[in-house]
Amino acid sequence: MGVQNQTEVVEFVFLGFSGIPNSHLYLFLPFLAIYSVTVLGNLMIFTLIQLDSSLHTPMYYFLSHLSCLDICISSVTVPKILVNFLYQRQTITYNQCMAQMFFLISISGTEGALLAVMAYDRYAAICKPLHYSRLMNPKVCAILAFATWVWGLLNAALHTALSSRLRFCGINQIHHIFCDIPPLMKISCNDVHINQLVTHIASLFVGVAPFLFTILSYVFILCSILKIHSTTGKQKAFSTCASHLTVVIVYFGNALINYNRPSSGYSLEIDTLVSTMYSMIPPMLNPLIYSLRNKEVKGALTKVLEKSLQVEERSLDLSSVGKGEF
């Protein structure tokens, strides 16, 4: 592996858990539990939105996309971590690393843009209620959702293409728990100035711009809520934004900690903790936030459970009648 060529590196070794002795024994079950809760919780939200007609509104249409994204972003990183725990080898092939990075960047960029679109939806509902049906009609919602996915894919394609040109000169140890842009640039042995420049520019459009747009939307929303005279009206208006605002704080807060690290860097243990929180905690919390704080989602869940119980009771009654006749 002394030849100075990136093709010499056929796999990378993750060092994120190297500081934790017997990490496969202690972390496999917690990681599996978090991943299971994430998938089941988001699948529940997505299914409820499809089954309950009262949730066929723009806000829940975008929430269904958010649930899909949360399942995807967890599935990009956690299953590989679990497999590595089982085989006790923290490795990933070069092609798998590029694929993992592509989907991670794509989904992260899409989610940031989607949260900004959801903020605009809340702005239209509270600040422009008379024009809401026109501003957020089904065609507009579909175009906005499609645009967020394309936005994320284009961003990921750009970064992955640039990362594929990096040379590693036989260095294959990544101080991380999954493949991402900063750790790959850190171990590259060729000039990464273009990669760094593109990363900084892209972060303005993919990270900072959606965040500022979301903040601006909530400034207008807050101004509109303060103009409402009744306390009940204010509470009702704010309750429609509370879940989304909580998700925004969790998502952008974790992204800020993960991607805006001190120049000296974190210790390996802190870096692993930060990366774990960024990739696993927000997708797990989102369905909990929307189900616990949202009366409509809780109501839809109650109706679905009641219907399933009624169907089960009817099937039991029919089976008992059939046995009696026999």
Protein backbone atom coordinates (compact mmCIF):
# COMPACT_ATOMS: atom_id res chain seq x y z
CA MET A 1 0.00 0.00 0.00
CA GLY A 2 2.97 2.27 -0.53
CA VAL A 3 1.81 3.36 -4.00
CA GLN A 4 0.36 6.87 -3.83
CA ASN A 5 -3.01 6.04 -5.27
CA GLN A 6 -6.49 6.06 -3.77
CA THR A 7 -7.30 2.69 -5.41
CA GLU A 8 -4.82 1.07 -2.98
CA VAL A 9 -7.32 1.74 -0.17
CA VAL A 10 -10.00 -0.91 -0.61
CA GLU A 11 -11.52 -0.51 2.86
CA PHE A 12 -11.56 1.90 5.78
CA VAL A 13 -11.35 1.17 9.49
CA PHE A 14 -13.57 3.14 11.89
CA LEU A 15 -11.81 4.13 15.11
CA GLY A 16 -14.81 5.76 16.76
CA PHE A 17 -15.41 2.91 19.19
CA SER A 18 -11.75 1.94 19.63
CA GLY A 19 -11.59 3.75 22.97
CA ILE A 20 -14.41 1.62 24.40
CA PRO A 21 -13.19 -1.87 25.40
CA ASN A 22 -15.58 -4.64 24.30
CA SER A 23 -17.88 -2.03 22.74
CA HIS A 24 -19.69 -4.74 20.77
CA LEU A 25 -20.88 -6.27 24.06
CA TYR A 26 -22.19 -3.05 25.62
CA LEU A 27 -23.43 -1.06 22.62
CA PHE A 28 -25.10 -3.59 20.33
CA LEU A 29 -28.38 -3.86 22.25
CA PRO A 30 -28.75 -0.09 22.94
CA PHE A 31 -28.06 0.72 19.29
CA LEU A 32 -30.48 -1.99 18.15
CA ALA A 33 -33.16 -0.69 20.54
CA ILE A 34 -32.75 2.92 19.35
CA TYR A 35 -32.87 1.83 15.71
CA SER A 36 -36.00 -0.29 16.32
CA VAL A 37 -37.78 2.57 18.10
CA THR A 38 -36.80 4.93 15.27
CA VAL A 39 -38.09 2.70 12.48
CA LEU A 40 -41.29 1.62 14.27
CA GLY A 41 -42.09 5.14 15.50
CA ASN A 42 -41.65 6.78 12.12
CA LEU A 43 -43.45 3.93 10.37
CA MET A 44 -46.36 4.43 12.77
CA ILE A 45 -46.53 8.17 11.96
CA PHE A 46 -46.35 7.50 8.21
CA THR A 47 -49.04 4.79 8.37
CA LEU A 48 -51.39 6.92 10.49
CA ILE A 49 -51.15 9.78 8.00
CA GLN A 50 -52.03 7.46 5.13
CA LEU A 51 -54.95 5.79 6.95
CA ASP A 52 -56.66 8.76 8.65
CA SER A 53 -58.34 11.21 6.27
CA SER A 54 -58.29 13.95 8.93
CA LEU A 55 -54.48 13.99 8.58
CA HIS A 56 -54.56 14.55 4.81
CA THR A 57 -53.40 18.14 5.14
CA PRO A 58 -50.19 19.88 3.96
CA MET A 59 -48.61 19.79 7.43
CA TYR A 60 -49.02 16.03 7.76
CA TYR A 61 -48.13 15.46 4.10
CA PHE A 62 -44.72 16.98 4.83
CA LEU A 63 -44.53 15.10 8.12
CA SER A 64 -44.91 11.82 6.22
CA HIS A 65 -41.88 12.79 4.14
CA LEU A 66 -39.99 13.64 7.33
CA SER A 67 -40.79 10.18 8.72
CA CYS A 68 -39.45 8.55 5.54
CA LEU A 69 -36.26 10.62 5.81
CA ASP A 70 -35.76 9.67 9.46
CA ILE A 71 -36.08 5.97 8.63
CA CYS A 72 -33.63 6.38 5.74
CA ILE A 73 -30.98 8.36 7.61
CA SER A 74 -30.94 5.82 10.46
CA SER A 75 -30.79 2.94 7.99
CA VAL A 76 -27.77 4.48 6.24
CA THR A 77 -25.54 4.32 9.33
CA VAL A 78 -26.92 2.17 12.15
CA PRO A 79 -27.28 -1.25 10.39
CA LYS A 80 -23.63 -1.09 9.31
CA ILE A 81 -22.62 -0.25 12.88
CA LEU A 82 -24.65 -3.21 14.17
CA VAL A 83 -23.10 -5.58 11.61
CA ASN A 84 -19.64 -4.41 12.60
CA PHE A 85 -20.49 -5.04 16.26
CA LEU A 86 -21.57 -8.60 15.43
CA TYR A 87 -18.44 -9.39 13.42
CA GLN A 88 -16.24 -7.38 15.79
CA ARG A 89 -14.64 -5.60 12.83
CA GLN A 90 -15.13 -1.84 12.45
CA THR A 91 -14.55 -1.77 8.69
CA ILE A 92 -16.29 -0.59 5.53
CA THR A 93 -15.26 -1.01 1.88
CA TYR A 94 -14.31 2.00 -0.21
CA ASN A 95 -17.43 1.75 -2.40
CA GLN A 96 -19.69 1.27 0.62
CA CYS A 97 -18.09 4.31 2.22
CA MET A 98 -18.80 6.49 -0.83
CA ALA A 99 -22.39 5.18 -0.99
CA GLN A 100 -22.94 5.74 2.74
CA MET A 101 -21.62 9.29 2.50
CA PHE A 102 -23.77 10.04 -0.56
CA PHE A 103 -27.02 8.95 1.09
CA LEU A 104 -26.13 10.54 4.43
CA ILE A 105 -25.45 13.94 2.82
CA SER A 106 -28.49 13.64 0.56
CA ILE A 107 -30.93 12.81 3.35
CA SER A 108 -29.47 15.42 5.72
CA GLY A 109 -29.74 18.14 3.08
CA THR A 110 -33.27 17.09 2.19
CA GLU A 111 -34.35 17.11 5.82
CA GLY A 112 -33.03 20.62 6.42
CA ALA A 113 -34.86 21.91 3.35
CA LEU A 114 -38.03 20.03 4.33
CA LEU A 115 -38.03 21.60 7.80
CA ALA A 116 -37.82 25.02 6.13
CA VAL A 117 -40.78 24.12 3.90
CA MET A 118 -42.73 22.98 6.96
CA ALA A 119 -41.96 26.33 8.60
CA TYR A 120 -43.36 28.10 5.53
CA ASP A 121 -46.47 25.93 5.78
CA ARG A 122 -46.99 27.08 9.38
CA TYR A 123 -46.36 30.69 8.29
CA ALA A 124 -49.00 30.41 5.56
CA ALA A 125 -51.50 28.79 7.94
CA ILE A 126 -51.13 31.40 10.72
CA CYS A 127 -50.14 34.58 8.90
CA LYS A 128 -52.12 34.07 5.66
CA PRO A 129 -55.12 31.95 6.71
CA LEU A 130 -57.46 33.32 4.01
CA HIS A 131 -54.96 32.41 1.27
CA TYR A 132 -53.75 29.14 2.82
CA SER A 133 -55.69 26.80 0.54
CA ARG A 134 -54.24 28.55 -2.51
CA LEU A 135 -50.70 28.89 -1.19
CA MET A 136 -50.49 25.26 -0.07
CA ASN A 137 -52.68 23.40 -2.56
CA PRO A 138 -51.79 19.74 -3.34
CA LYS A 139 -49.82 20.64 -6.47
CA VAL A 140 -47.68 23.19 -4.60
CA CYS A 141 -47.07 20.71 -1.77
CA ALA A 142 -45.97 18.00 -4.21
CA ILE A 143 -43.60 20.40 -6.00
CA LEU A 144 -42.08 21.61 -2.71
CA ALA A 145 -41.58 18.06 -1.42
CA PHE A 146 -40.03 16.95 -4.72
CA ALA A 147 -37.74 20.00 -4.72
CA THR A 148 -36.37 19.18 -1.25
CA TRP A 149 -35.42 15.64 -2.37
CA VAL A 150 -33.76 16.94 -5.56
CA TRP A 151 -31.94 19.62 -3.53
CA GLY A 152 -30.46 16.98 -1.25
CA LEU A 153 -29.52 14.64 -4.11
CA LEU A 154 -27.71 17.35 -6.07
CA ASN A 155 -25.77 18.45 -2.99
CA ALA A 156 -24.77 14.86 -2.22
CA ALA A 157 -23.75 14.17 -5.83
CA LEU A 158 -21.43 17.19 -5.80
CA HIS A 159 -19.72 16.25 -2.53
CA THR A 160 -19.42 12.56 -3.41
CA ALA A 161 -17.89 13.37 -6.80
CA LEU A 162 -15.27 15.59 -5.14
CA SER A 163 -14.59 13.04 -2.38
CA SER A 164 -14.08 10.27 -4.94
CA ARG A 165 -11.09 12.27 -6.26
CA LEU A 166 -9.35 12.23 -2.87
CA ARG A 167 -6.22 10.12 -2.48
CA PHE A 168 -5.47 8.38 0.81
CA CYS A 169 -1.96 7.00 0.17
CA GLY A 170 -2.58 3.85 2.15
CA ILE A 171 -4.08 5.66 5.16
CA ASN A 172 -7.39 3.95 5.88
CA GLN A 173 -8.17 4.70 9.54
CA ILE A 174 -11.13 7.06 10.01
CA HIS A 175 -11.59 8.72 13.40
CA HIS A 176 -15.34 8.45 13.13
CA ILE A 177 -18.19 5.92 13.26
CA PHE A 178 -19.42 6.42 9.68
CA CYS A 179 -18.20 7.93 6.42
CA ASP A 180 -18.59 11.70 6.16
CA ILE A 181 -16.81 14.58 4.44
CA PRO A 182 -14.66 16.01 7.31
CA PRO A 183 -13.05 12.71 8.44
CA LEU A 184 -12.26 11.72 4.85
CA MET A 185 -10.63 15.06 4.09
CA LYS A 186 -8.66 14.75 7.31
CA ILE A 187 -6.89 11.55 6.20
CA SER A 188 -6.47 12.56 2.54
CA CYS A 189 -2.90 13.06 1.37
CA ASN A 190 -3.64 15.39 -1.56
CA ASP A 191 -4.83 19.00 -1.73
CA VAL A 192 -8.32 19.39 -0.24
CA HIS A 193 -8.73 23.16 -0.63
CA ILE A 194 -11.37 22.80 -3.35
CA ASN A 195 -13.28 20.28 -1.23
CA GLN A 196 -13.16 22.61 1.77
CA LEU A 197 -14.27 25.61 -0.28
CA VAL A 198 -17.20 23.71 -1.80
CA THR A 199 -18.14 22.36 1.63
CA HIS A 200 -18.23 25.87 3.14
CA ILE A 201 -20.22 27.30 0.21
CA ALA A 202 -22.66 24.38 0.17
CA SER A 203 -23.18 24.63 3.94
CA LEU A 204 -24.42 28.19 3.44
CA PHE A 205 -27.12 27.04 1.02
CA VAL A 206 -27.94 23.63 2.51
CA GLY A 207 -27.54 24.39 6.20
CA VAL A 208 -27.52 28.11 7.00
CA ALA A 209 -30.13 29.22 4.44
CA PRO A 210 -32.88 26.76 5.55
CA PHE A 211 -32.12 27.59 9.19
CA LEU A 212 -32.39 31.35 8.65
CA PHE A 213 -35.53 30.88 6.55
CA THR A 214 -37.07 28.83 9.36
CA ILE A 215 -36.13 31.44 11.97
CA LEU A 216 -37.55 34.24 9.80
CA SER A 217 -40.79 32.32 9.32
CA TYR A 218 -41.17 31.93 13.07
CA VAL A 219 -40.47 35.62 13.66
CA PHE A 220 -43.48 36.43 11.43
CA ILE A 221 -45.50 33.65 13.09
CA LEU A 222 -44.71 35.01 16.56
CA CYS A 223 -45.71 38.53 15.50
CA SER A 224 -49.03 37.22 14.18
CA ILE A 225 -49.68 35.18 17.34
CA LEU A 226 -49.03 38.22 19.56
CA LYS A 227 -51.68 40.14 17.61
CA ILE A 228 -54.33 37.57 18.58
CA HIS A 229 -56.38 39.01 21.43
CA SER A 230 -57.76 35.87 23.08
CA THR A 231 -55.50 33.66 25.19
CA THR A 232 -57.19 30.56 23.79
CA GLY A 233 -56.49 31.70 20.25
CA LYS A 234 -52.82 32.29 21.05
CA GLN A 235 -52.48 28.87 22.66
CA LYS A 236 -54.17 27.15 19.73
CA ALA A 237 -51.96 28.94 17.19
CA PHE A 238 -48.79 28.18 19.10
CA SER A 239 -49.74 24.52 19.66
CA THR A 240 -49.81 23.96 15.89
CA CYS A 241 -46.15 25.06 15.73
CA ALA A 242 -44.79 23.59 18.96
CA SER A 243 -43.94 20.13 17.60
CA HIS A 244 -42.26 21.45 14.47
CA LEU A 245 -40.31 24.07 16.42
CA THR A 246 -39.05 21.37 18.80
CA VAL A 247 -37.93 19.20 15.88
CA VAL A 248 -36.16 22.20 14.29
CA ILE A 249 -34.24 22.91 17.51
CA VAL A 250 -33.21 19.26 17.90
CA TYR A 251 -32.16 18.86 14.25
CA PHE A 252 -30.26 22.11 13.70
CA GLY A 253 -28.82 22.00 17.23
CA ASN A 254 -27.29 18.56 16.61
CA ALA A 255 -26.12 19.59 13.12
CA LEU A 256 -24.45 22.70 14.56
CA ILE A 257 -22.55 20.66 17.16
CA ASN A 258 -21.58 17.96 14.63
CA TYR A 259 -20.33 20.15 11.78
CA ASN A 260 -19.04 23.25 13.59
CA ARG A 261 -16.31 21.69 15.66
CA PRO A 262 -13.35 23.56 17.20
CA SER A 263 -10.25 23.74 15.00
CA SER A 264 -8.38 21.55 17.48
CA GLY A 265 -11.16 18.97 17.19
CA TYR A 266 -12.89 16.94 19.89
CA SER A 267 -11.35 13.97 21.65
CA LEU A 268 -12.18 10.65 20.01
CA GLU A 269 -14.70 9.82 22.76
CA ILE A 270 -16.51 13.18 22.46
CA ASP A 271 -16.41 12.95 18.66
CA THR A 272 -18.06 9.51 18.82
CA LEU A 273 -20.74 10.80 21.20
CA VAL A 274 -21.48 13.82 18.99
CA SER A 275 -21.68 11.67 15.85
CA THR A 276 -23.97 9.17 17.57
CA MET A 277 -26.30 11.91 18.77
CA TYR A 278 -26.44 13.49 15.30
CA SER A 279 -27.20 10.28 13.41
CA MET A 280 -29.47 8.50 15.90
CA ILE A 281 -31.20 10.82 18.38
CA PRO A 282 -33.19 13.25 16.15
CA PRO A 283 -34.75 10.46 14.00
CA MET A 284 -35.78 8.64 17.18
CA LEU A 285 -37.20 11.74 18.90
CA ASN A 286 -39.21 13.13 15.97
CA PRO A 287 -42.09 10.60 16.08
CA LEU A 288 -42.18 10.86 19.87
CA ILE A 289 -42.40 14.65 19.68
CA TYR A 290 -45.19 14.60 17.12
CA SER A 291 -47.16 11.83 18.83
CA LEU A 292 -46.87 13.10 22.40
CA ARG A 293 -47.44 16.81 21.68
CA ASN A 294 -50.00 16.52 18.89
CA LYS A 295 -53.67 15.89 19.71
CA GLU A 296 -54.57 15.07 16.10
CA VAL A 297 -51.92 12.35 15.84
CA LYS A 298 -52.95 10.89 19.21
CA GLY A 299 -56.58 11.01 18.10
CA ALA A 300 -55.78 9.24 14.84
CA LEU A 301 -53.82 6.57 16.71
CA THR A 302 -56.74 6.03 19.09
CA LYS A 303 -59.18 5.62 16.17
CA VAL A 304 -56.91 3.14 14.40
CA LEU A 305 -56.48 1.09 17.58
CA GLU A 306 -60.24 1.11 18.24
CA LYS A 307 -60.96 -0.05 14.68
CA SER A 308 -58.40 -2.84 14.93
CA LEU A 309 -59.91 -3.98 18.24
CA GLN A 310 -63.41 -3.98 16.72
CA VAL A 311 -62.22 -6.03 13.77
CA GLU A 312 -60.52 -8.49 16.12
CA GLU A 313 -63.68 -8.80 18.24
CA ARG A 314 -65.81 -9.43 15.16
CA SER A 315 -63.44 -12.10 13.89
CA LEU A 316 -63.53 -13.79 17.30
CA ASP A 317 -67.35 -13.65 17.33
CA LEU A 318 -67.55 -15.14 13.85
CA SER A 319 -65.13 -17.92 14.73
CA SER A 320 -67.09 -18.77 17.89
CA VAL A 321 -70.36 -18.83 15.91
CA GLY A 322 -68.77 -21.08 13.33
CA LYS A 323 -67.58 -23.50 15.98
CA GLY A 324 -71.05 -23.51 17.60
CA GLU A 325 -72.74 -24.38 14.31
CA PHE A 326 -70.24 -27.14 13.67
